[in-house]
Amino acid sequence: MKKSRFTDTQIVNILKQAEQGVPVSDILREHNISQSTFYKWRSKYGGMDASLITRLKELEGKYPQT
């Protein structure tokens, strides 16, 4: 699996920027990510903090989807 360029903390900070009212187009341009990546992160990690994301990734690694 491809390693992400962004750490869990960076993903959380990017999503929090959007929650604070920063336009999504500005966030995408600033962090050089695609719109689909942003919305995929938001649907998967929205409302989580970095420690929960880390725990989720650990569990996904132990129990891969078939």
Protein backbone atom coordinates (compact mmCIF):
# COMPACT_ATOMS: atom_id res chain seq x y z
CA MET A 1 0.00 0.00 0.00
CA LYS A 2 1.24 3.48 -0.85
CA LYS A 3 2.47 5.58 2.08
CA SER A 4 0.68 8.88 2.59
CA ARG A 5 2.54 12.17 2.27
CA PHE A 6 0.56 13.47 5.21
CA THR A 7 0.72 12.41 8.85
CA ASP A 8 -2.41 11.82 10.90
CA THR A 9 -1.92 15.15 12.64
CA GLN A 10 -1.64 16.99 9.33
CA ILE A 11 -4.85 15.38 8.06
CA VAL A 12 -6.69 16.42 11.23
CA ASN A 13 -5.38 19.99 10.92
CA ILE A 14 -6.47 20.19 7.26
CA LEU A 15 -9.98 18.98 8.15
CA LYS A 16 -10.18 21.41 11.09
CA GLN A 17 -9.35 24.31 8.77
CA ALA A 18 -12.44 23.46 6.72
CA GLU A 19 -14.57 23.22 9.86
CA GLN A 20 -13.40 26.71 10.86
CA GLY A 21 -14.75 28.15 7.63
CA VAL A 22 -11.70 28.31 5.37
CA PRO A 23 -12.87 27.77 1.77
CA VAL A 24 -12.10 24.24 0.56
CA SER A 25 -10.55 25.54 -2.66
CA ASP A 26 -8.00 27.52 -0.62
CA ILE A 27 -7.16 24.47 1.49
CA LEU A 28 -6.68 22.31 -1.60
CA ARG A 29 -4.36 24.84 -3.18
CA GLU A 30 -2.38 25.44 0.02
CA HIS A 31 -1.73 21.76 0.72
CA ASN A 32 -1.58 20.63 -2.92
CA ILE A 33 -4.21 17.90 -2.56
CA SER A 34 -7.05 16.93 -4.85
CA GLN A 35 -10.69 17.56 -4.11
CA SER A 36 -11.40 13.83 -4.07
CA THR A 37 -8.65 13.26 -1.48
CA PHE A 38 -10.05 15.97 0.77
CA TYR A 39 -13.60 14.63 0.66
CA LYS A 40 -12.39 11.05 1.12
CA TRP A 41 -10.51 12.14 4.27
CA ARG A 42 -13.54 14.08 5.48
CA SER A 43 -15.87 11.10 5.09
CA LYS A 44 -13.42 8.71 6.71
CA TYR A 45 -11.80 10.84 9.43
CA GLY A 46 -14.28 13.69 10.02
CA GLY A 47 -14.72 14.42 13.72
CA MET A 48 -11.70 12.36 14.81
CA ASP A 49 -8.50 13.51 16.42
CA ALA A 50 -5.01 12.25 15.49
CA SER A 51 -4.93 9.52 18.14
CA LEU A 52 -8.21 8.02 16.89
CA ILE A 53 -6.96 8.03 13.30
CA THR A 54 -3.79 6.23 14.38
CA ARG A 55 -5.85 3.64 16.24
CA LEU A 56 -8.15 3.16 13.23
CA LYS A 57 -5.17 2.58 10.92
CA GLU A 58 -3.70 0.04 13.37
CA LEU A 59 -6.98 -1.87 13.43
CA GLU A 60 -7.29 -1.78 9.64
CA GLY A 61 -3.80 -3.24 9.39
CA LYS A 62 -4.67 -6.12 11.74
CA TYR A 63 -7.99 -6.91 10.10
CA PRO A 64 -7.76 -6.13 6.38
CA GLN A 65 -10.96 -6.05 4.38
CA THR A 66 -11.48 -8.95 2.03
